[in-house]
Amino acid sequence: MEKASLSHMNTRLPLPNRTCAFLQFKHPTSFPTFPNPRPLRLRRPNCSISDGAVPSWVGASDSSLAVKKKAAEVSPELKGTSIFLVGLKSSLKTSLGKLLADVLRYYYFDSDSLVEEAVGGAHAAKSFRESDGKGFYESETEVLKQLSSMGRLVVCVGNGAVTSSTNLALLRYGISLWIDVPLDFVARDVIEDQSQFAPSEISISGSYPEVKDELGALYDKYRDGYATADATISVQKVASWLDCDNLDEITREDLALEALKEIEKLTRVKKMMEEAARPF
C-alpha cells in the first residue's frame, strides 16, 4: 500500500514513484498545536483500479460494471473536483466513499481519522473531544482547509464539517453529498463497533433502542447542516426507485450509481452556468 506523510509544518504530500502534482497545496497551512502531536499520515486505499493493474471488477456483477461505466462517463467532466460526504458516520457511508474513490481513481480520506492521528490516536481524540469539543471541531477545520486545497479526493467528513459557516464554505471547494442512512443501520454499526462515536456524542453503552433514540437526536441536531449539501443520496429513496422492500438488500454499488448520477447532473449544471457567463 502506498503511503504519504504530512507533518504539522509541511505542505506537500509526496507519494513515491507516482506523479502527484495535484497533492501540492495551493495555500500553505499548518495544523494547530495538539497535545502530544504526532505526524499525520495520509493513506490511499488498495484500489482495484491502479496503473497497469488488471481491474478487479472483471467478471463482477452487473451492478459493479454499471458503476464502473458511469464513473468513466463522469470522470472527464468532474476534472478532479473533490467529493465530500456528509451525514451520520456509518459503515455504509465509509464503504461508499471508498468505492467512489476506487472507480474514480481518487484518494480516500476520513477527516475524523486524520484528526485522531494528529492528536495521538483514537483514545487521545476522545479525551480531547470530551474536554474541549470546540477545540476538536477547530482541529477538523484545519484538516478541511488542507484537504479542500487539494484535488481528486473523496472525503468522509465528520459532523464538525457542518457546524460552522467556515467549514461549510470549505466544502464548497468540491461537491458535497449527504449520505442519508437509516438510523437502524447506524445503530447496528454503533452496537457492533462502539469506537465510531465518542461518548460525548451518544451513550454507546446503552441498549439498541436507547442508541437509536440518541442517534435520532444527533440526526436532528445536524440535519440542517447535512441539508446544505449539493445533493442527497438516500438509502430509502434508492430502495423505492429500485422497488426494493428490504433496505438491507441495497448495496454500496446501488448508492454509488446514484451518487455518480447526481455528480453528473451537478457538473452539467456547472458547465451550463460557465457557458452562459461567457461574453458573446
C-alpha atoms as a PDB file:
ATOM      1  CA  MET A   1       0.000   0.000   0.000  1.00  0.00           C
ATOM      2  CA  GLU A   2       1.313   3.444  -0.911  1.00  0.00           C
ATOM      3  CA  LYS A   3       1.606   5.968   1.882  1.00  0.00           C
ATOM      4  CA  ALA A   4       2.227   9.663   2.202  1.00  0.00           C
ATOM      5  CA  SER A   5       3.336  11.524   5.307  1.00  0.00           C
ATOM      6  CA  LEU A   6       2.309  15.003   6.384  1.00  0.00           C
ATOM      7  CA  SER A   7       3.944  16.726   9.321  1.00  0.00           C
ATOM      8  CA  HIS A   8       2.347  19.696  11.033  1.00  0.00           C
ATOM      9  CA  MET A   9       4.576  22.153   9.176  1.00  0.00           C
ATOM     10  CA  ASN A  10       4.838  20.520   5.751  1.00  0.00           C
ATOM     11  CA  THR A  11       2.531  21.482   2.909  1.00  0.00           C
ATOM     12  CA  ARG A  12       3.300  18.770   0.377  1.00  0.00           C
ATOM     13  CA  LEU A  13       2.347  15.117   0.391  1.00  0.00           C
ATOM     14  CA  PRO A  14       4.955  13.301  -1.694  1.00  0.00           C
ATOM     15  CA  LEU A  15       3.997   9.885  -2.983  1.00  0.00           C
ATOM     16  CA  PRO A  16       6.785   7.586  -4.158  1.00  0.00           C
ATOM     17  CA  ASN A  17       7.069   6.646  -7.823  1.00  0.00           C
ATOM     18  CA  ARG A  18       3.900   8.435  -8.900  1.00  0.00           C
ATOM     19  CA  THR A  19       3.130  11.814 -10.423  1.00  0.00           C
ATOM     20  CA  CYS A  20       1.177  13.671  -7.756  1.00  0.00           C
ATOM     21  CA  ALA A  21       1.124  17.353  -8.658  1.00  0.00           C
ATOM     22  CA  PHE A  22      -2.497  17.520  -7.530  1.00  0.00           C
ATOM     23  CA  LEU A  23      -1.325  16.855  -3.961  1.00  0.00           C
ATOM     24  CA  GLN A  24       0.534  20.159  -3.817  1.00  0.00           C
ATOM     25  CA  PHE A  25      -1.298  22.557  -1.505  1.00  0.00           C
ATOM     26  CA  LYS A  26      -2.396  25.825  -3.089  1.00  0.00           C
ATOM     27  CA  HIS A  27      -2.167  27.778   0.157  1.00  0.00           C
ATOM     28  CA  PRO A  28       0.390  26.715   2.813  1.00  0.00           C
ATOM     29  CA  THR A  29      -1.312  25.981   6.108  1.00  0.00           C
ATOM     30  CA  SER A  30      -0.243  24.324   9.316  1.00  0.00           C
ATOM     31  CA  PHE A  31      -2.013  22.356  11.980  1.00  0.00           C
ATOM     32  CA  PRO A  32      -2.585  23.893  15.419  1.00  0.00           C
ATOM     33  CA  THR A  33      -0.587  22.644  18.367  1.00  0.00           C
ATOM     34  CA  PHE A  34      -2.191  19.427  19.591  1.00  0.00           C
ATOM     35  CA  PRO A  35      -1.432  17.649  22.846  1.00  0.00           C
ATOM     36  CA  ASN A  36       1.383  15.158  22.154  1.00  0.00           C
ATOM     37  CA  PRO A  37       1.362  15.866  18.407  1.00  0.00           C
ATOM     38  CA  ARG A  38       2.357  13.108  16.029  1.00  0.00           C
ATOM     39  CA  PRO A  39       2.988  13.205  12.300  1.00  0.00           C
ATOM     40  CA  LEU A  40      -0.198  12.859  10.282  1.00  0.00           C
ATOM     41  CA  ARG A  41      -0.108  10.021   7.771  1.00  0.00           C
ATOM     42  CA  LEU A  42      -2.456  10.039   4.798  1.00  0.00           C
ATOM     43  CA  ARG A  43      -3.125   6.737   3.124  1.00  0.00           C
ATOM     44  CA  ARG A  44      -4.538   5.674  -0.181  1.00  0.00           C
ATOM     45  CA  PRO A  45      -6.695   2.540  -0.017  1.00  0.00           C
ATOM     46  CA  ASN A  46      -5.948  -0.551  -2.060  1.00  0.00           C
ATOM     47  CA  CYS A  47      -7.772   0.439  -5.206  1.00  0.00           C
ATOM     48  CA  SER A  48      -8.995  -2.189  -7.630  1.00  0.00           C
ATOM     49  CA  ILE A  49      -8.047   0.136 -10.471  1.00  0.00           C
ATOM     50  CA  SER A  50      -4.393   1.129 -10.451  1.00  0.00           C
ATOM     51  CA  ASP A  51      -1.814   1.985 -13.043  1.00  0.00           C
ATOM     52  CA  GLY A  52      -1.068  -1.100 -15.079  1.00  0.00           C
ATOM     53  CA  ALA A  53      -3.170  -3.359 -12.872  1.00  0.00           C
ATOM     54  CA  VAL A  54      -5.856  -5.764 -14.007  1.00  0.00           C
ATOM     55  CA  PRO A  55      -9.243  -4.422 -12.888  1.00  0.00           C
ATOM     56  CA  SER A  56     -10.736  -6.488 -10.086  1.00  0.00           C
ATOM     57  CA  TRP A  57     -14.206  -5.951 -11.489  1.00  0.00           C
ATOM     58  CA  VAL A  58     -13.591  -8.318 -14.393  1.00  0.00           C
ATOM     59  CA  GLY A  59     -16.282 -10.950 -14.072  1.00  0.00           C
ATOM     60  CA  ALA A  60     -18.036  -8.985 -11.298  1.00  0.00           C
ATOM     61  CA  SER A  61     -21.774  -8.325 -11.051  1.00  0.00           C
ATOM     62  CA  ASP A  62     -23.723  -6.170 -13.461  1.00  0.00           C
ATOM     63  CA  SER A  63     -24.125  -3.501 -10.783  1.00  0.00           C
ATOM     64  CA  SER A  64     -20.349  -3.207 -10.384  1.00  0.00           C
ATOM     65  CA  LEU A  65     -19.954  -2.904 -14.154  1.00  0.00           C
ATOM     66  CA  ALA A  66     -22.653  -0.223 -14.252  1.00  0.00           C
ATOM     67  CA  VAL A  67     -20.841   1.775 -11.557  1.00  0.00           C
ATOM     68  CA  LYS A  68     -17.561   1.476 -13.432  1.00  0.00           C
ATOM     69  CA  LYS A  69     -19.153   2.570 -16.702  1.00  0.00           C
ATOM     70  CA  LYS A  70     -20.869   5.571 -15.112  1.00  0.00           C
ATOM     71  CA  ALA A  71     -17.627   6.605 -13.385  1.00  0.00           C
ATOM     72  CA  ALA A  72     -15.841   6.562 -16.750  1.00  0.00           C
ATOM     73  CA  GLU A  73     -18.556   8.835 -18.171  1.00  0.00           C
ATOM     74  CA  VAL A  74     -18.500  11.254 -15.232  1.00  0.00           C
ATOM     75  CA  SER A  75     -14.752  11.492 -14.646  1.00  0.00           C
ATOM     76  CA  PRO A  76     -13.807  13.716 -17.645  1.00  0.00           C
ATOM     77  CA  GLU A  77     -16.361  16.376 -16.683  1.00  0.00           C
ATOM     78  CA  LEU A  78     -15.512  16.105 -12.994  1.00  0.00           C
ATOM     79  CA  LYS A  79     -11.953  17.256 -13.785  1.00  0.00           C
ATOM     80  CA  GLY A  80     -10.509  16.165 -10.456  1.00  0.00           C
ATOM     81  CA  THR A  81     -13.038  18.007  -8.305  1.00  0.00           C
ATOM     82  CA  SER A  82     -13.036  16.548  -4.791  1.00  0.00           C
ATOM     83  CA  ILE A  83     -16.116  14.934  -3.270  1.00  0.00           C
ATOM     84  CA  PHE A  84     -17.137  15.442   0.362  1.00  0.00           C
ATOM     85  CA  LEU A  85     -19.552  13.006   2.014  1.00  0.00           C
ATOM     86  CA  VAL A  86     -21.565  14.329   4.956  1.00  0.00           C
ATOM     87  CA  GLY A  87     -24.051  12.555   7.206  1.00  0.00           C
ATOM     88  CA  LEU A  88     -24.012  10.341  10.279  1.00  0.00           C
ATOM     89  CA  LYS A  89     -20.969   8.119  10.458  1.00  0.00           C
ATOM     90  CA  SER A  90     -21.726   4.585   9.286  1.00  0.00           C
ATOM     91  CA  SER A  91     -20.069   1.604   7.661  1.00  0.00           C
ATOM     92  CA  LEU A  92     -22.235   2.133   4.573  1.00  0.00           C
ATOM     93  CA  LYS A  93     -21.084   5.742   4.185  1.00  0.00           C
ATOM     94  CA  THR A  94     -17.449   4.672   4.596  1.00  0.00           C
ATOM     95  CA  SER A  95     -17.816   1.785   2.152  1.00  0.00           C
ATOM     96  CA  LEU A  96     -19.477   4.056  -0.396  1.00  0.00           C
ATOM     97  CA  GLY A  97     -16.692   6.613  -0.064  1.00  0.00           C
ATOM     98  CA  LYS A  98     -14.024   4.008  -0.694  1.00  0.00           C
ATOM     99  CA  LEU A  99     -15.877   2.636  -3.706  1.00  0.00           C
ATOM    100  CA  LEU A 100     -16.245   6.100  -5.250  1.00  0.00           C
ATOM    101  CA  ALA A 101     -12.535   6.730  -4.711  1.00  0.00           C
ATOM    102  CA  ASP A 102     -11.808   3.372  -6.308  1.00  0.00           C
ATOM    103  CA  VAL A 103     -13.823   3.806  -9.504  1.00  0.00           C
ATOM    104  CA  LEU A 104     -12.860   7.474  -9.955  1.00  0.00           C
ATOM    105  CA  ARG A 105      -9.188   6.735  -9.183  1.00  0.00           C
ATOM    106  CA  TYR A 106      -9.267   9.234  -6.348  1.00  0.00           C
ATOM    107  CA  TYR A 107      -7.718   9.150  -2.896  1.00  0.00           C
ATOM    108  CA  TYR A 108      -9.983   8.391   0.067  1.00  0.00           C
ATOM    109  CA  PHE A 109      -9.703  10.057   3.492  1.00  0.00           C
ATOM    110  CA  ASP A 110     -11.760  10.277   6.668  1.00  0.00           C
ATOM    111  CA  SER A 111     -11.396  13.694   8.315  1.00  0.00           C
ATOM    112  CA  ASP A 112     -12.084  12.393  11.832  1.00  0.00           C
ATOM    113  CA  SER A 113      -9.381   9.752  11.403  1.00  0.00           C
ATOM    114  CA  LEU A 114      -6.900  12.416  10.313  1.00  0.00           C
ATOM    115  CA  VAL A 115      -7.636  14.472  13.427  1.00  0.00           C
ATOM    116  CA  GLU A 116      -7.270  11.340  15.567  1.00  0.00           C
ATOM    117  CA  GLU A 117      -3.847  10.644  14.099  1.00  0.00           C
ATOM    118  CA  ALA A 118      -2.791  14.244  14.651  1.00  0.00           C
ATOM    119  CA  VAL A 119      -3.607  14.179  18.361  1.00  0.00           C
ATOM    120  CA  GLY A 120      -2.083  10.764  19.042  1.00  0.00           C
ATOM    121  CA  GLY A 121      -4.773   8.172  18.335  1.00  0.00           C
ATOM    122  CA  ALA A 122      -8.439   7.412  18.941  1.00  0.00           C
ATOM    123  CA  HIS A 123      -8.180   7.394  22.738  1.00  0.00           C
ATOM    124  CA  ALA A 124      -6.460  10.783  22.830  1.00  0.00           C
ATOM    125  CA  ALA A 125      -9.011  12.162  20.369  1.00  0.00           C
ATOM    126  CA  LYS A 126     -11.897  11.052  22.586  1.00  0.00           C
ATOM    127  CA  SER A 127     -10.344  12.748  25.591  1.00  0.00           C
ATOM    128  CA  PHE A 128      -9.708  15.862  23.517  1.00  0.00           C
ATOM    129  CA  ARG A 129     -13.306  15.962  22.251  1.00  0.00           C
ATOM    130  CA  GLU A 130     -14.746  15.426  25.732  1.00  0.00           C
ATOM    131  CA  SER A 131     -12.559  18.083  27.347  1.00  0.00           C
ATOM    132  CA  ASP A 132     -12.672  20.614  24.517  1.00  0.00           C
ATOM    133  CA  GLY A 133     -15.390  19.926  21.959  1.00  0.00           C
ATOM    134  CA  LYS A 134     -14.916  23.321  20.335  1.00  0.00           C
ATOM    135  CA  GLY A 135     -11.197  22.739  20.023  1.00  0.00           C
ATOM    136  CA  PHE A 136     -11.824  19.374  18.385  1.00  0.00           C
ATOM    137  CA  TYR A 137     -14.083  20.951  15.768  1.00  0.00           C
ATOM    138  CA  GLU A 138     -11.487  23.679  15.178  1.00  0.00           C
ATOM    139  CA  SER A 139      -8.977  20.911  14.548  1.00  0.00           C
ATOM    140  CA  GLU A 140     -11.275  19.481  11.915  1.00  0.00           C
ATOM    141  CA  THR A 141     -11.422  22.933  10.318  1.00  0.00           C
ATOM    142  CA  GLU A 142      -7.631  22.874   9.934  1.00  0.00           C
ATOM    143  CA  VAL A 143      -7.844  19.438   8.339  1.00  0.00           C
ATOM    144  CA  LEU A 144     -10.585  20.600   5.967  1.00  0.00           C
ATOM    145  CA  LYS A 145      -8.530  23.645   4.980  1.00  0.00           C
ATOM    146  CA  GLN A 146      -5.747  21.409   3.758  1.00  0.00           C
ATOM    147  CA  LEU A 147      -7.992  18.815   2.122  1.00  0.00           C
ATOM    148  CA  SER A 148     -10.120  21.434   0.362  1.00  0.00           C
ATOM    149  CA  SER A 149      -7.000  22.898  -1.266  1.00  0.00           C
ATOM    150  CA  MET A 150      -6.327  19.573  -2.946  1.00  0.00           C
ATOM    151  CA  GLY A 151      -7.976  17.688  -5.798  1.00  0.00           C
ATOM    152  CA  ARG A 152      -9.008  14.132  -6.651  1.00  0.00           C
ATOM    153  CA  LEU A 153     -10.175  13.253  -3.151  1.00  0.00           C
ATOM    154  CA  VAL A 154     -13.216  11.531  -1.688  1.00  0.00           C
ATOM    155  CA  VAL A 155     -13.524  12.629   1.934  1.00  0.00           C
ATOM    156  CA  CYS A 156     -15.903  11.314   4.576  1.00  0.00           C
ATOM    157  CA  VAL A 157     -16.230  14.335   6.869  1.00  0.00           C
ATOM    158  CA  GLY A 158     -17.316  14.408  10.498  1.00  0.00           C
ATOM    159  CA  ASN A 159     -20.178  16.388  11.969  1.00  0.00           C
ATOM    160  CA  GLY A 160     -17.834  19.272  12.665  1.00  0.00           C
ATOM    161  CA  ALA A 161     -17.830  19.981   8.929  1.00  0.00           C
ATOM    162  CA  VAL A 162     -21.465  21.137   9.060  1.00  0.00           C
ATOM    163  CA  THR A 163     -21.373  23.070  12.340  1.00  0.00           C
ATOM    164  CA  SER A 164     -19.927  26.374  11.156  1.00  0.00           C
ATOM    165  CA  SER A 165     -20.101  28.676   8.158  1.00  0.00           C
ATOM    166  CA  THR A 166     -16.311  28.397   7.812  1.00  0.00           C
ATOM    167  CA  ASN A 167     -16.406  24.636   7.431  1.00  0.00           C
ATOM    168  CA  LEU A 168     -19.422  24.729   5.126  1.00  0.00           C
ATOM    169  CA  ALA A 169     -17.582  27.225   2.934  1.00  0.00           C
ATOM    170  CA  LEU A 170     -14.617  24.845   2.708  1.00  0.00           C
ATOM    171  CA  LEU A 171     -16.926  22.102   1.429  1.00  0.00           C
ATOM    172  CA  ARG A 172     -17.837  24.419  -1.467  1.00  0.00           C
ATOM    173  CA  TYR A 173     -14.381  23.784  -2.921  1.00  0.00           C
ATOM    174  CA  GLY A 174     -15.733  20.427  -4.030  1.00  0.00           C
ATOM    175  CA  ILE A 175     -19.024  18.579  -4.462  1.00  0.00           C
ATOM    176  CA  SER A 176     -20.813  17.683  -1.232  1.00  0.00           C
ATOM    177  CA  LEU A 177     -23.208  14.744  -0.921  1.00  0.00           C
ATOM    178  CA  TRP A 178     -25.418  13.950   2.053  1.00  0.00           C
ATOM    179  CA  ILE A 179     -25.377  10.188   2.541  1.00  0.00           C
ATOM    180  CA  ASP A 180     -28.702   9.677   4.344  1.00  0.00           C
ATOM    181  CA  VAL A 181     -28.555   6.257   6.020  1.00  0.00           C
ATOM    182  CA  PRO A 182     -31.497   4.932   8.111  1.00  0.00           C
ATOM    183  CA  LEU A 183     -30.969   5.164  11.864  1.00  0.00           C
ATOM    184  CA  ASP A 184     -31.457   1.385  12.127  1.00  0.00           C
ATOM    185  CA  PHE A 185     -28.314   0.865  10.060  1.00  0.00           C
ATOM    186  CA  VAL A 186     -26.273   3.347  12.054  1.00  0.00           C
ATOM    187  CA  ALA A 187     -27.494   1.959  15.403  1.00  0.00           C
ATOM    188  CA  ARG A 188     -26.379  -1.529  14.403  1.00  0.00           C
ATOM    189  CA  ASP A 189     -22.979  -0.136  13.471  1.00  0.00           C
ATOM    190  CA  VAL A 190     -22.638   1.532  16.875  1.00  0.00           C
ATOM    191  CA  ILE A 191     -23.591  -1.658  18.724  1.00  0.00           C
ATOM    192  CA  GLU A 192     -21.093  -3.677  16.662  1.00  0.00           C
ATOM    193  CA  ASP A 193     -18.283  -1.073  16.747  1.00  0.00           C
ATOM    194  CA  GLN A 194     -18.545   1.309  19.669  1.00  0.00           C
ATOM    195  CA  SER A 195     -15.463   3.245  18.557  1.00  0.00           C
ATOM    196  CA  GLN A 196     -17.402   5.037  15.804  1.00  0.00           C
ATOM    197  CA  PHE A 197     -18.905   7.638  18.117  1.00  0.00           C
ATOM    198  CA  ALA A 198     -17.370   9.431  21.076  1.00  0.00           C
ATOM    199  CA  PRO A 199     -19.127   9.073  24.470  1.00  0.00           C
ATOM    200  CA  SER A 200     -19.663  12.837  24.359  1.00  0.00           C
ATOM    201  CA  GLU A 201     -21.938  12.350  21.337  1.00  0.00           C
ATOM    202  CA  ILE A 202     -24.029   9.353  22.383  1.00  0.00           C
ATOM    203  CA  SER A 203     -24.150   6.819  25.207  1.00  0.00           C
ATOM    204  CA  ILE A 204     -22.537   3.892  23.426  1.00  0.00           C
ATOM    205  CA  SER A 205     -23.138   1.636  26.425  1.00  0.00           C
ATOM    206  CA  GLY A 206     -26.907   1.828  26.010  1.00  0.00           C
ATOM    207  CA  SER A 207     -29.232  -0.765  24.541  1.00  0.00           C
ATOM    208  CA  TYR A 208     -30.201  -0.778  20.862  1.00  0.00           C
ATOM    209  CA  PRO A 209     -33.416   1.269  21.390  1.00  0.00           C
ATOM    210  CA  GLU A 210     -31.510   3.779  23.534  1.00  0.00           C
ATOM    211  CA  VAL A 211     -28.715   4.106  20.987  1.00  0.00           C
ATOM    212  CA  LYS A 212     -31.240   4.590  18.188  1.00  0.00           C
ATOM    213  CA  ASP A 213     -33.054   7.319  20.147  1.00  0.00           C
ATOM    214  CA  GLU A 214     -29.797   9.150  20.811  1.00  0.00           C
ATOM    215  CA  LEU A 215     -28.818   8.841  17.165  1.00  0.00           C
ATOM    216  CA  GLY A 216     -32.168  10.358  16.268  1.00  0.00           C
ATOM    217  CA  ALA A 217     -31.372  13.361  18.459  1.00  0.00           C
ATOM    218  CA  LEU A 218     -27.923  13.615  16.857  1.00  0.00           C
ATOM    219  CA  TYR A 219     -29.502  13.409  13.394  1.00  0.00           C
ATOM    220  CA  ASP A 220     -31.946  16.210  14.245  1.00  0.00           C
ATOM    221  CA  LYS A 221     -29.089  18.336  15.589  1.00  0.00           C
ATOM    222  CA  TYR A 222     -27.076  18.183  12.387  1.00  0.00           C
ATOM    223  CA  ARG A 223     -29.867  17.748   9.811  1.00  0.00           C
ATOM    224  CA  ASP A 224     -29.868  21.384   8.687  1.00  0.00           C
ATOM    225  CA  GLY A 225     -26.123  21.215   8.136  1.00  0.00           C
ATOM    226  CA  TYR A 226     -26.406  17.973   6.183  1.00  0.00           C
ATOM    227  CA  ALA A 227     -29.144  19.534   4.033  1.00  0.00           C
ATOM    228  CA  THR A 228     -26.732  22.196   2.732  1.00  0.00           C
ATOM    229  CA  ALA A 229     -25.027  19.503   0.643  1.00  0.00           C
ATOM    230  CA  ASP A 230     -25.239  19.803  -3.136  1.00  0.00           C
ATOM    231  CA  ALA A 231     -27.264  16.578  -3.368  1.00  0.00           C
ATOM    232  CA  THR A 232     -28.721  13.882  -1.135  1.00  0.00           C
ATOM    233  CA  ILE A 233     -28.169  10.149  -1.574  1.00  0.00           C
ATOM    234  CA  SER A 234     -30.923   8.491   0.475  1.00  0.00           C
ATOM    235  CA  VAL A 235     -30.906   4.745   1.086  1.00  0.00           C
ATOM    236  CA  GLN A 236     -34.677   4.772   1.432  1.00  0.00           C
ATOM    237  CA  LYS A 237     -35.212   6.675  -1.815  1.00  0.00           C
ATOM    238  CA  VAL A 238     -32.840   4.404  -3.722  1.00  0.00           C
ATOM    239  CA  ALA A 239     -34.745   1.392  -2.365  1.00  0.00           C
ATOM    240  CA  SER A 240     -38.007   2.964  -3.517  1.00  0.00           C
ATOM    241  CA  TRP A 241     -36.673   3.615  -7.013  1.00  0.00           C
ATOM    242  CA  LEU A 242     -35.445   0.023  -7.212  1.00  0.00           C
ATOM    243  CA  ASP A 243     -38.808  -1.224  -5.885  1.00  0.00           C
ATOM    244  CA  CYS A 244     -36.952  -2.958  -3.056  1.00  0.00           C
ATOM    245  CA  ASP A 245     -38.869  -3.537   0.197  1.00  0.00           C
ATOM    246  CA  ASN A 246     -35.844  -4.751   2.169  1.00  0.00           C
ATOM    247  CA  LEU A 247     -33.377  -1.909   2.783  1.00  0.00           C
ATOM    248  CA  ASP A 248     -30.695  -4.442   3.732  1.00  0.00           C
ATOM    249  CA  GLU A 249     -30.608  -5.505   0.085  1.00  0.00           C
ATOM    250  CA  ILE A 250     -29.439  -2.063  -1.036  1.00  0.00           C
ATOM    251  CA  THR A 251     -25.743  -2.306  -1.837  1.00  0.00           C
ATOM    252  CA  ARG A 252     -22.969   0.247  -1.928  1.00  0.00           C
ATOM    253  CA  GLU A 253     -22.966  -0.207  -5.709  1.00  0.00           C
ATOM    254  CA  ASP A 254     -26.611   0.913  -5.818  1.00  0.00           C
ATOM    255  CA  LEU A 255     -25.722   4.014  -3.806  1.00  0.00           C
ATOM    256  CA  ALA A 256     -22.559   4.660  -5.826  1.00  0.00           C
ATOM    257  CA  LEU A 257     -24.505   4.602  -9.083  1.00  0.00           C
ATOM    258  CA  GLU A 258     -26.996   7.108  -7.684  1.00  0.00           C
ATOM    259  CA  ALA A 259     -24.154   9.283  -6.341  1.00  0.00           C
ATOM    260  CA  LEU A 260     -22.422   9.303  -9.726  1.00  0.00           C
ATOM    261  CA  LYS A 261     -25.674  10.276 -11.445  1.00  0.00           C
ATOM    262  CA  GLU A 262     -26.078  13.209  -9.062  1.00  0.00           C
ATOM    263  CA  ILE A 263     -22.453  14.236  -9.594  1.00  0.00           C
ATOM    264  CA  GLU A 264     -23.046  14.101 -13.351  1.00  0.00           C
ATOM    265  CA  LYS A 265     -26.072  16.413 -13.009  1.00  0.00           C
ATOM    266  CA  LEU A 266     -24.107  18.875 -10.883  1.00  0.00           C
ATOM    267  CA  THR A 267     -21.180  19.015 -13.313  1.00  0.00           C
ATOM    268  CA  ARG A 268     -23.570  19.588 -16.210  1.00  0.00           C
ATOM    269  CA  VAL A 269     -25.271  22.464 -14.389  1.00  0.00           C
ATOM    270  CA  LYS A 270     -21.885  23.995 -13.608  1.00  0.00           C
ATOM    271  CA  LYS A 271     -20.834  23.699 -17.250  1.00  0.00           C
ATOM    272  CA  MET A 272     -24.081  25.343 -18.420  1.00  0.00           C
ATOM    273  CA  MET A 273     -23.569  28.219 -15.974  1.00  0.00           C
ATOM    274  CA  GLU A 274     -19.997  28.723 -17.145  1.00  0.00           C
ATOM    275  CA  GLU A 275     -21.075  28.759 -20.799  1.00  0.00           C
ATOM    276  CA  ALA A 276     -23.888  31.201 -20.026  1.00  0.00           C
ATOM    277  CA  ALA A 277     -21.396  33.552 -18.362  1.00  0.00           C
ATOM    278  CA  ARG A 278     -19.114  33.693 -21.404  1.00  0.00           C
ATOM    279  CA  PRO A 279     -19.204  37.000 -23.313  1.00  0.00           C
ATOM    280  CA  PHE A 280     -20.621  36.967 -26.827  1.00  0.00           C
END
